[in-house]
Amino acid sequence: MARFSLLTSAFLIVCAMSVLVATASVQLTTKTDDTYHPTGGEGSLTPQECPKACDYRCSATSHKEPCLFFCNMCCNKCLCVPSGTYGNKEECPCYNNWTTQEGKPKCP
């Protein structure tokens, strides 16, 4: 009976520690304003970080000037640039949903 109780106690301690570790890792990605922002999500950049993020986002295009112009404009509004050089716009809904008057995507 004591052995069963010891195993049960050990199991409960391991479960409690794993919950604490998971909670600590979530707290590391939470900003001080208590709003959760996953990496790459809206609000994950500051306006000062936009040029560097857009340099990478536009690095694979042959239309660098318009790409950089619109990427920086979108980043300054949304504070987010999707990862990679193409696609992944679902990471930044503001960036993804901002359209021109013709209904085409504004952000590269």
PDB file of N, CA and C in Angstrom:
ATOM      1  N   MET A   1       0.815  -1.184   0.000  1.00  0.00           N
ATOM      2  CA  MET A   1       0.000   0.000   0.000  1.00  0.00           C
ATOM      3  C   MET A   1       0.869   1.263   0.000  1.00  0.00           C
ATOM      4  N   ALA A   2       1.954   1.258   0.762  1.00  0.00           N
ATOM      5  CA  ALA A   2       2.838   2.416   0.830  1.00  0.00           C
ATOM      6  C   ALA A   2       3.527   2.645  -0.514  1.00  0.00           C
ATOM      7  N   ARG A   3       3.838   1.536  -1.211  1.00  0.00           N
ATOM      8  CA  ARG A   3       4.496   1.649  -2.514  1.00  0.00           C
ATOM      9  C   ARG A   3       3.566   2.309  -3.522  1.00  0.00           C
ATOM     10  N   PHE A   4       2.288   1.934  -3.501  1.00  0.00           N
ATOM     11  CA  PHE A   4       1.304   2.530  -4.395  1.00  0.00           C
ATOM     12  C   PHE A   4       1.169   4.027  -4.115  1.00  0.00           C
ATOM     13  N   SER A   5       1.151   4.389  -2.850  1.00  0.00           N
ATOM     14  CA  SER A   5       1.025   5.783  -2.449  1.00  0.00           C
ATOM     15  C   SER A   5       2.254   6.582  -2.895  1.00  0.00           C
ATOM     16  N   LEU A   6       3.437   5.994  -2.787  1.00  0.00           N
ATOM     17  CA  LEU A   6       4.672   6.644  -3.197  1.00  0.00           C
ATOM     18  C   LEU A   6       4.667   6.879  -4.704  1.00  0.00           C
ATOM     19  N   LEU A   7       4.259   5.883  -5.492  1.00  0.00           N
ATOM     20  CA  LEU A   7       4.193   6.031  -6.945  1.00  0.00           C
ATOM     21  C   LEU A   7       3.168   7.086  -7.342  1.00  0.00           C
ATOM     22  N   THR A   8       2.041   7.095  -6.692  1.00  0.00           N
ATOM     23  CA  THR A   8       1.008   8.084  -6.975  1.00  0.00           C
ATOM     24  C   THR A   8       1.515   9.488  -6.666  1.00  0.00           C
ATOM     25  N   SER A   9       2.187   9.647  -5.548  1.00  0.00           N
ATOM     26  CA  SER A   9       2.732  10.953  -5.174  1.00  0.00           C
ATOM     27  C   SER A   9       3.782  11.408  -6.174  1.00  0.00           C
ATOM     28  N   ALA A  10       4.647  10.520  -6.606  1.00  0.00           N
ATOM     29  CA  ALA A  10       5.673  10.864  -7.584  1.00  0.00           C
ATOM     30  C   ALA A  10       5.040  11.288  -8.908  1.00  0.00           C
ATOM     31  N   PHE A  11       4.019  10.580  -9.320  1.00  0.00           N
ATOM     32  CA  PHE A  11       3.328  10.914 -10.559  1.00  0.00           C
ATOM     33  C   PHE A  11       2.692  12.305 -10.468  1.00  0.00           C
ATOM     34  N   LEU A  12       2.047  12.601  -9.360  1.00  0.00           N
ATOM     35  CA  LEU A  12       1.414  13.908  -9.176  1.00  0.00           C
ATOM     36  C   LEU A  12       2.441  15.035  -9.161  1.00  0.00           C
ATOM     37  N   ILE A  13       3.591  14.793  -8.565  1.00  0.00           N
ATOM     38  CA  ILE A  13       4.654  15.800  -8.542  1.00  0.00           C
ATOM     39  C   ILE A  13       5.170  16.063  -9.948  1.00  0.00           C
ATOM     40  N   VAL A  14       5.372  15.016 -10.736  1.00  0.00           N
ATOM     41  CA  VAL A  14       5.835  15.177 -12.123  1.00  0.00           C
ATOM     42  C   VAL A  14       4.802  15.953 -12.942  1.00  0.00           C
ATOM     43  N   CYS A  15       3.527  15.651 -12.761  1.00  0.00           N
ATOM     44  CA  CYS A  15       2.465  16.371 -13.483  1.00  0.00           C
ATOM     45  C   CYS A  15       2.453  17.843 -13.103  1.00  0.00           C
ATOM     46  N   ALA A  16       2.578  18.132 -11.824  1.00  0.00           N
ATOM     47  CA  ALA A  16       2.568  19.517 -11.353  1.00  0.00           C
ATOM     48  C   ALA A  16       3.762  20.288 -11.911  1.00  0.00           C
ATOM     49  N   MET A  17       4.922  19.649 -11.951  1.00  0.00           N
ATOM     50  CA  MET A  17       6.112  20.315 -12.481  1.00  0.00           C
ATOM     51  C   MET A  17       5.973  20.584 -13.969  1.00  0.00           C
ATOM     52  N   SER A  18       5.363  19.676 -14.723  1.00  0.00           N
ATOM     53  CA  SER A  18       5.199  19.902 -16.156  1.00  0.00           C
ATOM     54  C   SER A  18       4.236  21.054 -16.413  1.00  0.00           C
ATOM     55  N   VAL A  19       3.213  21.200 -15.578  1.00  0.00           N
ATOM     56  CA  VAL A  19       2.299  22.344 -15.705  1.00  0.00           C
ATOM     57  C   VAL A  19       3.035  23.639 -15.407  1.00  0.00           C
ATOM     58  N   LEU A  20       3.890  23.640 -14.404  1.00  0.00           N
ATOM     59  CA  LEU A  20       4.661  24.837 -14.071  1.00  0.00           C
ATOM     60  C   LEU A  20       5.605  25.222 -15.203  1.00  0.00           C
ATOM     61  N   VAL A  21       6.260  24.255 -15.810  1.00  0.00           N
ATOM     62  CA  VAL A  21       7.171  24.523 -16.923  1.00  0.00           C
ATOM     63  C   VAL A  21       6.398  25.071 -18.112  1.00  0.00           C
ATOM     64  N   ALA A  22       5.251  24.492 -18.418  1.00  0.00           N
ATOM     65  CA  ALA A  22       4.435  24.979 -19.533  1.00  0.00           C
ATOM     66  C   ALA A  22       3.963  26.394 -19.269  1.00  0.00           C
ATOM     67  N   THR A  23       3.566  26.703 -18.062  1.00  0.00           N
ATOM     68  CA  THR A  23       3.123  28.048 -17.706  1.00  0.00           C
ATOM     69  C   THR A  23       4.264  29.038 -17.826  1.00  0.00           C
ATOM     70  N   ALA A  24       5.447  28.659 -17.401  1.00  0.00           N
ATOM     71  CA  ALA A  24       6.600  29.548 -17.481  1.00  0.00           C
ATOM     72  C   ALA A  24       6.945  29.854 -18.924  1.00  0.00           C
ATOM     73  N   SER A  25       6.857  28.872 -19.826  1.00  0.00           N
ATOM     74  CA  SER A  25       7.203  29.129 -21.227  1.00  0.00           C
ATOM     75  C   SER A  25       6.174  30.034 -21.882  1.00  0.00           C
ATOM     76  N   VAL A  26       4.913  29.958 -21.507  1.00  0.00           N
ATOM     77  CA  VAL A  26       3.897  30.861 -22.046  1.00  0.00           C
ATOM     78  C   VAL A  26       4.140  32.264 -21.533  1.00  0.00           C
ATOM     79  N   GLN A  27       4.544  32.414 -20.287  1.00  0.00           N
ATOM     80  CA  GLN A  27       4.793  33.729 -19.729  1.00  0.00           C
ATOM     81  C   GLN A  27       5.967  34.408 -20.408  1.00  0.00           C
ATOM     82  N   LEU A  28       6.915  33.663 -20.944  1.00  0.00           N
ATOM     83  CA  LEU A  28       8.040  34.258 -21.648  1.00  0.00           C
ATOM     84  C   LEU A  28       7.612  34.913 -22.951  1.00  0.00           C
ATOM     85  N   THR A  29       6.520  34.460 -23.561  1.00  0.00           N
ATOM     86  CA  THR A  29       6.077  35.042 -24.818  1.00  0.00           C
ATOM     87  C   THR A  29       4.943  36.041 -24.620  1.00  0.00           C
ATOM     88  N   THR A  30       4.670  36.419 -23.387  1.00  0.00           N
ATOM     89  CA  THR A  30       3.616  37.378 -23.102  1.00  0.00           C
ATOM     90  C   THR A  30       4.242  38.734 -22.845  1.00  0.00           C
ATOM     91  N   LYS A  31       3.730  39.774 -23.513  1.00  0.00           N
ATOM     92  CA  LYS A  31       4.244  41.117 -23.301  1.00  0.00           C
ATOM     93  C   LYS A  31       3.733  41.665 -21.978  1.00  0.00           C
ATOM     94  N   THR A  32       4.311  42.762 -21.529  1.00  0.00           N
ATOM     95  CA  THR A  32       3.964  43.315 -20.229  1.00  0.00           C
ATOM     96  C   THR A  32       2.554  43.879 -20.173  1.00  0.00           C
ATOM     97  N   ASP A  33       1.918  44.133 -21.327  1.00  0.00           N
ATOM     98  CA  ASP A  33       0.559  44.671 -21.295  1.00  0.00           C
ATOM     99  C   ASP A  33      -0.483  43.561 -21.171  1.00  0.00           C
ATOM    100  N   ASP A  34      -0.053  42.356 -20.798  1.00  0.00           N
ATOM    101  CA  ASP A  34      -0.912  41.195 -20.588  1.00  0.00           C
ATOM    102  C   ASP A  34      -1.646  40.745 -21.841  1.00  0.00           C
ATOM    103  N   THR A  35      -1.172  41.128 -23.019  1.00  0.00           N
ATOM    104  CA  THR A  35      -1.744  40.667 -24.276  1.00  0.00           C
ATOM    105  C   THR A  35      -0.795  39.634 -24.855  1.00  0.00           C
ATOM    106  N   TYR A  36      -1.314  38.472 -25.175  1.00  0.00           N
ATOM    107  CA  TYR A  36      -0.479  37.406 -25.725  1.00  0.00           C
ATOM    108  C   TYR A  36      -0.200  37.676 -27.192  1.00  0.00           C
ATOM    109  N   HIS A  37       1.071  37.647 -27.581  1.00  0.00           N
ATOM    110  CA  HIS A  37       1.477  37.832 -28.966  1.00  0.00           C
ATOM    111  C   HIS A  37       2.417  36.694 -29.341  1.00  0.00           C
ATOM    112  N   PRO A  38       1.961  35.708 -30.108  1.00  0.00           N
ATOM    113  CA  PRO A  38       2.882  34.658 -30.519  1.00  0.00           C
ATOM    114  C   PRO A  38       3.948  35.231 -31.437  1.00  0.00           C
ATOM    115  N   THR A  39       5.066  34.576 -31.521  1.00  0.00           N
ATOM    116  CA  THR A  39       6.136  35.038 -32.374  1.00  0.00           C
ATOM    117  C   THR A  39       5.645  35.192 -33.804  1.00  0.00           C
ATOM    118  N   GLY A  40       5.881  36.384 -34.387  1.00  0.00           N
ATOM    119  CA  GLY A  40       5.454  36.644 -35.748  1.00  0.00           C
ATOM    120  C   GLY A  40       4.060  37.186 -35.862  1.00  0.00           C
ATOM    121  N   GLY A  41       3.304  37.219 -34.775  1.00  0.00           N
ATOM    122  CA  GLY A  41       1.927  37.695 -34.821  1.00  0.00           C
ATOM    123  C   GLY A  41       1.847  39.204 -34.786  1.00  0.00           C
ATOM    124  N   GLU A  42       0.645  39.714 -34.955  1.00  0.00           N
ATOM    125  CA  GLU A  42       0.434  41.157 -34.929  1.00  0.00           C
ATOM    126  C   GLU A  42       0.928  41.741 -33.623  1.00  0.00           C
ATOM    127  N   GLY A  43       1.608  42.862 -33.732  1.00  0.00           N
ATOM    128  CA  GLY A  43       2.141  43.518 -32.556  1.00  0.00           C
ATOM    129  C   GLY A  43       3.454  42.942 -32.075  1.00  0.00           C
ATOM    130  N   SER A  44       4.033  42.012 -32.820  1.00  0.00           N
ATOM    131  CA  SER A  44       5.276  41.379 -32.385  1.00  0.00           C
ATOM    132  C   SER A  44       6.507  42.211 -32.733  1.00  0.00           C
ATOM    133  N   LEU A  45       6.348  43.248 -33.562  1.00  0.00           N
ATOM    134  CA  LEU A  45       7.465  44.114 -33.942  1.00  0.00           C
ATOM    135  C   LEU A  45       7.232  45.528 -33.436  1.00  0.00           C
ATOM    136  N   THR A  46       8.309  46.268 -33.326  1.00  0.00           N
ATOM    137  CA  THR A  46       8.207  47.700 -33.079  1.00  0.00           C
ATOM    138  C   THR A  46       8.431  48.399 -34.415  1.00  0.00           C
ATOM    139  N   PRO A  47       8.010  49.650 -34.558  1.00  0.00           N
ATOM    140  CA  PRO A  47       8.242  50.350 -35.827  1.00  0.00           C
ATOM    141  C   PRO A  47       9.720  50.391 -36.223  1.00  0.00           C
ATOM    142  N   GLN A  48      10.613  50.401 -35.249  1.00  0.00           N
ATOM    143  CA  GLN A  48      12.050  50.427 -35.547  1.00  0.00           C
ATOM    144  C   GLN A  48      12.536  49.112 -36.148  1.00  0.00           C
ATOM    145  N   GLU A  49      11.813  48.022 -35.914  1.00  0.00           N
ATOM    146  CA  GLU A  49      12.216  46.709 -36.434  1.00  0.00           C
ATOM    147  C   GLU A  49      11.676  46.443 -37.840  1.00  0.00           C
ATOM    148  N   CYS A  50      10.751  47.287 -38.307  1.00  0.00           N
ATOM    149  CA  CYS A  50      10.124  47.053 -39.612  1.00  0.00           C
ATOM    150  C   CYS A  50      11.108  47.038 -40.781  1.00  0.00           C
ATOM    151  N   PRO A  51      12.027  48.016 -40.899  1.00  0.00           N
ATOM    152  CA  PRO A  51      12.921  47.989 -42.068  1.00  0.00           C
ATOM    153  C   PRO A  51      13.715  46.693 -42.209  1.00  0.00           C
ATOM    154  N   LYS A  52      14.236  46.176 -41.109  1.00  0.00           N
ATOM    155  CA  LYS A  52      15.017  44.931 -41.172  1.00  0.00           C
ATOM    156  C   LYS A  52      14.131  43.748 -41.571  1.00  0.00           C
ATOM    157  N   ALA A  53      12.920  43.678 -40.985  1.00  0.00           N
ATOM    158  CA  ALA A  53      12.003  42.588 -41.321  1.00  0.00           C
ATOM    159  C   ALA A  53      11.592  42.675 -42.792  1.00  0.00           C
ATOM    160  N   CYS A  54      11.367  43.892 -43.281  1.00  0.00           N
ATOM    161  CA  CYS A  54      10.959  44.057 -44.680  1.00  0.00           C
ATOM    162  C   CYS A  54      12.121  43.810 -45.645  1.00  0.00           C
ATOM    163  N   ASP A  55      13.334  44.139 -45.229  1.00  0.00           N
ATOM    164  CA  ASP A  55      14.496  43.816 -46.070  1.00  0.00           C
ATOM    165  C   ASP A  55      14.534  42.321 -46.344  1.00  0.00           C
ATOM    166  N   TYR A  56      14.287  41.520 -45.307  1.00  0.00           N
ATOM    167  CA  TYR A  56      14.287  40.071 -45.503  1.00  0.00           C
ATOM    168  C   TYR A  56      13.069  39.629 -46.312  1.00  0.00           C
ATOM    169  N   ARG A  57      11.902  40.162 -45.976  1.00  0.00           N
ATOM    170  CA  ARG A  57      10.662  39.775 -46.680  1.00  0.00           C
ATOM    171  C   ARG A  57      10.794  40.037 -48.178  1.00  0.00           C
ATOM    172  N   CYS A  58      11.449  41.125 -48.566  1.00  0.00           N
ATOM    173  CA  CYS A  58      11.551  41.521 -49.979  1.00  0.00           C
ATOM    174  C   CYS A  58      12.855  41.070 -50.638  1.00  0.00           C
ATOM    175  N   SER A  59      13.639  40.263 -49.955  1.00  0.00           N
ATOM    176  CA  SER A  59      14.961  39.887 -50.474  1.00  0.00           C
ATOM    177  C   SER A  59      14.917  39.006 -51.713  1.00  0.00           C
ATOM    178  N   ALA A  60      13.820  38.297 -51.956  1.00  0.00           N
ATOM    179  CA  ALA A  60      13.772  37.361 -53.091  1.00  0.00           C
ATOM    180  C   ALA A  60      13.040  37.929 -54.309  1.00  0.00           C
ATOM    181  N   THR A  61      12.519  39.150 -54.216  1.00  0.00           N
ATOM    182  CA  THR A  61      11.754  39.697 -55.333  1.00  0.00           C
ATOM    183  C   THR A  61      12.649  40.517 -56.268  1.00  0.00           C
ATOM    184  N   SER A  62      12.227  40.632 -57.500  1.00  0.00           N
ATOM    185  CA  SER A  62      12.947  41.493 -58.446  1.00  0.00           C
ATOM    186  C   SER A  62      12.379  42.912 -58.409  1.00  0.00           C
ATOM    187  N   HIS A  63      11.309  43.136 -57.659  1.00  0.00           N
ATOM    188  CA  HIS A  63      10.665  44.448 -57.530  1.00  0.00           C
ATOM    189  C   HIS A  63      10.892  44.984 -56.119  1.00  0.00           C
ATOM    190  N   LYS A  64      12.169  45.226 -55.785  1.00  0.00           N
ATOM    191  CA  LYS A  64      12.535  45.568 -54.412  1.00  0.00           C
ATOM    192  C   LYS A  64      11.921  46.882 -53.919  1.00  0.00           C
ATOM    193  N   GLU A  65      11.988  47.947 -54.720  1.00  0.00           N
ATOM    194  CA  GLU A  65      11.499  49.248 -54.251  1.00  0.00           C
ATOM    195  C   GLU A  65      10.026  49.228 -53.869  1.00  0.00           C
ATOM    196  N   PRO A  66       9.116  48.781 -54.767  1.00  0.00           N
ATOM    197  CA  PRO A  66       7.707  48.763 -54.350  1.00  0.00           C
ATOM    198  C   PRO A  66       7.454  47.779 -53.210  1.00  0.00           C
ATOM    199  N   CYS A  67       8.158  46.663 -53.204  1.00  0.00           N
ATOM    200  CA  CYS A  67       7.991  45.683 -52.133  1.00  0.00           C
ATOM    201  C   CYS A  67       8.365  46.309 -50.794  1.00  0.00           C
ATOM    202  N   LEU A  68       9.520  46.964 -50.730  1.00  0.00           N
ATOM    203  CA  LEU A  68       9.966  47.592 -49.486  1.00  0.00           C
ATOM    204  C   LEU A  68       9.022  48.715 -49.059  1.00  0.00           C
ATOM    205  N   PHE A  69       8.553  49.512 -50.010  1.00  0.00           N
ATOM    206  CA  PHE A  69       7.649  50.613 -49.693  1.00  0.00           C
ATOM    207  C   PHE A  69       6.376  50.088 -49.037  1.00  0.00           C
ATOM    208  N   PHE A  70       5.718  49.123 -49.687  1.00  0.00           N
ATOM    209  CA  PHE A  70       4.454  48.615 -49.167  1.00  0.00           C
ATOM    210  C   PHE A  70       4.649  47.750 -47.917  1.00  0.00           C
ATOM    211  N   CYS A  71       5.719  46.990 -47.876  1.00  0.00           N
ATOM    212  CA  CYS A  71       5.987  46.175 -46.686  1.00  0.00           C
ATOM    213  C   CYS A  71       6.173  47.068 -45.468  1.00  0.00           C
ATOM    214  N   ASN A  72       6.963  48.129 -45.600  1.00  0.00           N
ATOM    215  CA  ASN A  72       7.183  49.035 -44.474  1.00  0.00           C
ATOM    216  C   ASN A  72       5.901  49.759 -44.072  1.00  0.00           C
ATOM    217  N   MET A  73       5.090  50.145 -45.065  1.00  0.00           N
ATOM    218  CA  MET A  73       3.815  50.795 -44.761  1.00  0.00           C
ATOM    219  C   MET A  73       2.909  49.839 -43.975  1.00  0.00           C
ATOM    220  N   CYS A  74       2.833  48.602 -44.428  1.00  0.00           N
ATOM    221  CA  CYS A  74       2.003  47.597 -43.755  1.00  0.00           C
ATOM    222  C   CYS A  74       2.551  47.263 -42.374  1.00  0.00           C
ATOM    223  N   CYS A  75       3.856  47.137 -42.266  1.00  0.00           N
ATOM    224  CA  CYS A  75       4.473  46.808 -40.980  1.00  0.00           C
ATOM    225  C   CYS A  75       4.234  47.915 -39.969  1.00  0.00           C
ATOM    226  N   ASN A  76       4.345  49.162 -40.397  1.00  0.00           N
ATOM    227  CA  ASN A  76       4.128  50.273 -39.469  1.00  0.00           C
ATOM    228  C   ASN A  76       2.683  50.332 -38.987  1.00  0.00           C
ATOM    229  N   LYS A  77       1.750  49.874 -39.808  1.00  0.00           N
ATOM    230  CA  LYS A  77       0.347  49.844 -39.386  1.00  0.00           C
ATOM    231  C   LYS A  77       0.068  48.619 -38.515  1.00  0.00           C
ATOM    232  N   CYS A  78       0.537  47.451 -38.952  1.00  0.00           N
ATOM    233  CA  CYS A  78       0.187  46.178 -38.305  1.00  0.00           C
ATOM    234  C   CYS A  78       1.194  45.722 -37.246  1.00  0.00           C
ATOM    235  N   LEU A  79       2.412  46.271 -37.289  1.00  0.00           N
ATOM    236  CA  LEU A  79       3.508  45.856 -36.411  1.00  0.00           C
ATOM    237  C   LEU A  79       3.775  44.366 -36.531  1.00  0.00           C
ATOM    238  N   CYS A  80       3.768  43.901 -37.781  1.00  0.00           N
ATOM    239  CA  CYS A  80       3.970  42.490 -38.066  1.00  0.00           C
ATOM    240  C   CYS A  80       4.406  42.334 -39.515  1.00  0.00           C
ATOM    241  N   VAL A  81       5.307  41.415 -39.772  1.00  0.00           N
ATOM    242  CA  VAL A  81       5.683  41.010 -41.129  1.00  0.00           C
ATOM    243  C   VAL A  81       5.689  39.487 -41.119  1.00  0.00           C
ATOM    244  N   PRO A  82       4.987  38.844 -42.044  1.00  0.00           N
ATOM    245  CA  PRO A  82       4.980  37.380 -42.063  1.00  0.00           C
ATOM    246  C   PRO A  82       6.383  36.814 -42.243  1.00  0.00           C
ATOM    247  N   SER A  83       6.606  35.625 -41.731  1.00  0.00           N
ATOM    248  CA  SER A  83       7.912  34.996 -41.864  1.00  0.00           C
ATOM    249  C   SER A  83       8.145  34.574 -43.304  1.00  0.00           C
ATOM    250  N   GLY A  84       9.393  34.487 -43.674  1.00  0.00           N
ATOM    251  CA  GLY A  84       9.754  34.047 -45.020  1.00  0.00           C
ATOM    252  C   GLY A  84       9.697  35.176 -46.032  1.00  0.00           C
ATOM    253  N   THR A  85      10.002  34.828 -47.272  1.00  0.00           N
ATOM    254  CA  THR A  85      10.024  35.818 -48.347  1.00  0.00           C
ATOM    255  C   THR A  85       8.735  35.808 -49.160  1.00  0.00           C
ATOM    256  N   TYR A  86       7.855  34.850 -48.900  1.00  0.00           N
ATOM    257  CA  TYR A  86       6.599  34.745 -49.644  1.00  0.00           C
ATOM    258  C   TYR A  86       5.593  33.946 -48.825  1.00  0.00           C
ATOM    259  N   GLY A  87       4.329  34.309 -48.942  1.00  0.00           N
ATOM    260  CA  GLY A  87       3.282  33.551 -48.252  1.00  0.00           C
ATOM    261  C   GLY A  87       3.275  33.793 -46.757  1.00  0.00           C
ATOM    262  N   ASN A  88       2.719  32.867 -46.006  1.00  0.00           N
ATOM    263  CA  ASN A  88       2.619  32.901 -44.539  1.00  0.00           C
ATOM    264  C   ASN A  88       1.843  34.105 -44.018  1.00  0.00           C
ATOM    265  N   LYS A  89       1.012  34.725 -44.857  1.00  0.00           N
ATOM    266  CA  LYS A  89       0.288  35.924 -44.435  1.00  0.00           C
ATOM    267  C   LYS A  89      -0.734  35.643 -43.346  1.00  0.00           C
ATOM    268  N   GLU A  90      -1.114  34.387 -43.153  1.00  0.00           N
ATOM    269  CA  GLU A  90      -2.065  34.057 -42.096  1.00  0.00           C
ATOM    270  C   GLU A  90      -1.493  34.354 -40.711  1.00  0.00           C
ATOM    271  N   GLU A  91      -0.170  34.513 -40.615  1.00  0.00           N
ATOM    272  CA  GLU A  91       0.462  34.861 -39.343  1.00  0.00           C
ATOM    273  C   GLU A  91       0.091  36.286 -38.896  1.00  0.00           C
ATOM    274  N   CYS A  92      -0.258  37.136 -39.853  1.00  0.00           N
ATOM    275  CA  CYS A  92      -0.553  38.543 -39.575  1.00  0.00           C
ATOM    276  C   CYS A  92      -1.872  38.930 -40.235  1.00  0.00           C
ATOM    277  N   PRO A  93      -3.001  38.721 -39.578  1.00  0.00           N
ATOM    278  CA  PRO A  93      -4.291  39.016 -40.206  1.00  0.00           C
ATOM    279  C   PRO A  93      -4.417  40.454 -40.716  1.00  0.00           C
ATOM    280  N   CYS A  94      -3.922  41.430 -39.971  1.00  0.00           N
ATOM    281  CA  CYS A  94      -3.988  42.828 -40.422  1.00  0.00           C
ATOM    282  C   CYS A  94      -3.240  42.978 -41.738  1.00  0.00           C
ATOM    283  N   TYR A  95      -2.044  42.434 -41.786  1.00  0.00           N
ATOM    284  CA  TYR A  95      -1.187  42.481 -42.979  1.00  0.00           C
ATOM    285  C   TYR A  95      -1.877  41.761 -44.139  1.00  0.00           C
ATOM    286  N   ASN A  96      -2.512  40.647 -43.833  1.00  0.00           N
ATOM    287  CA  ASN A  96      -3.163  39.819 -44.849  1.00  0.00           C
ATOM    288  C   ASN A  96      -4.445  40.456 -45.377  1.00  0.00           C
ATOM    289  N   ASN A  97      -5.201  41.130 -44.530  1.00  0.00           N
ATOM    290  CA  ASN A  97      -6.522  41.612 -44.905  1.00  0.00           C
ATOM    291  C   ASN A  97      -6.553  43.046 -45.414  1.00  0.00           C
ATOM    292  N   TRP A  98      -5.446  43.748 -45.396  1.00  0.00           N
ATOM    293  CA  TRP A  98      -5.408  45.121 -45.890  1.00  0.00           C
ATOM    294  C   TRP A  98      -5.356  45.061 -47.413  1.00  0.00           C
ATOM    295  N   THR A  99      -6.358  45.643 -48.077  1.00  0.00           N
ATOM    296  CA  THR A  99      -6.451  45.541 -49.540  1.00  0.00           C
ATOM    297  C   THR A  99      -6.502  46.912 -50.192  1.00  0.00           C
ATOM    298  N   THR A 100      -6.252  46.935 -51.504  1.00  0.00           N
ATOM    299  CA  THR A 100      -6.365  48.146 -52.304  1.00  0.00           C
ATOM    300  C   THR A 100      -7.840  48.403 -52.602  1.00  0.00           C
ATOM    301  N   GLN A 101      -8.135  49.518 -53.251  1.00  0.00           N
ATOM    302  CA  GLN A 101      -9.512  49.832 -53.625  1.00  0.00           C
ATOM    303  C   GLN A 101     -10.081  48.778 -54.585  1.00  0.00           C
ATOM    304  N   GLU A 102      -9.191  48.139 -55.320  1.00  0.00           N
ATOM    305  CA  GLU A 102      -9.624  47.088 -56.259  1.00  0.00           C
ATOM    306  C   GLU A 102      -9.815  45.736 -55.571  1.00  0.00           C
ATOM    307  N   GLY A 103      -9.523  45.663 -54.289  1.00  0.00           N
ATOM    308  CA  GLY A 103      -9.682  44.417 -53.544  1.00  0.00           C
ATOM    309  C   GLY A 103      -8.482  43.497 -53.591  1.00  0.00           C
ATOM    310  N   LYS A 104      -7.371  43.962 -54.134  1.00  0.00           N
ATOM    311  CA  LYS A 104      -6.150  43.146 -54.196  1.00  0.00           C
ATOM    312  C   LYS A 104      -5.329  43.382 -52.933  1.00  0.00           C
ATOM    313  N   PRO A 105      -4.487  42.415 -52.565  1.00  0.00           N
ATOM    314  CA  PRO A 105      -3.678  42.581 -51.348  1.00  0.00           C
ATOM    315  C   PRO A 105      -2.727  43.780 -51.457  1.00  0.00           C
ATOM    316  N   LYS A 106      -2.663  44.586 -50.408  1.00  0.00           N
ATOM    317  CA  LYS A 106      -1.784  45.746 -50.399  1.00  0.00           C
ATOM    318  C   LYS A 106      -0.389  45.365 -49.923  1.00  0.00           C
ATOM    319  N   CYS A 107      -0.308  44.396 -49.047  1.00  0.00           N
ATOM    320  CA  CYS A 107       0.971  44.048 -48.409  1.00  0.00           C
ATOM    321  C   CYS A 107       1.635  42.860 -49.103  1.00  0.00           C
ATOM    322  N   PRO A 108       2.946  42.979 -49.365  1.00  0.00           N
ATOM    323  CA  PRO A 108       3.664  41.884 -50.071  1.00  0.00           C
ATOM    324  C   PRO A 108       3.923  40.684 -49.187  1.00  0.00           C
TER     325      PRO A 108
END
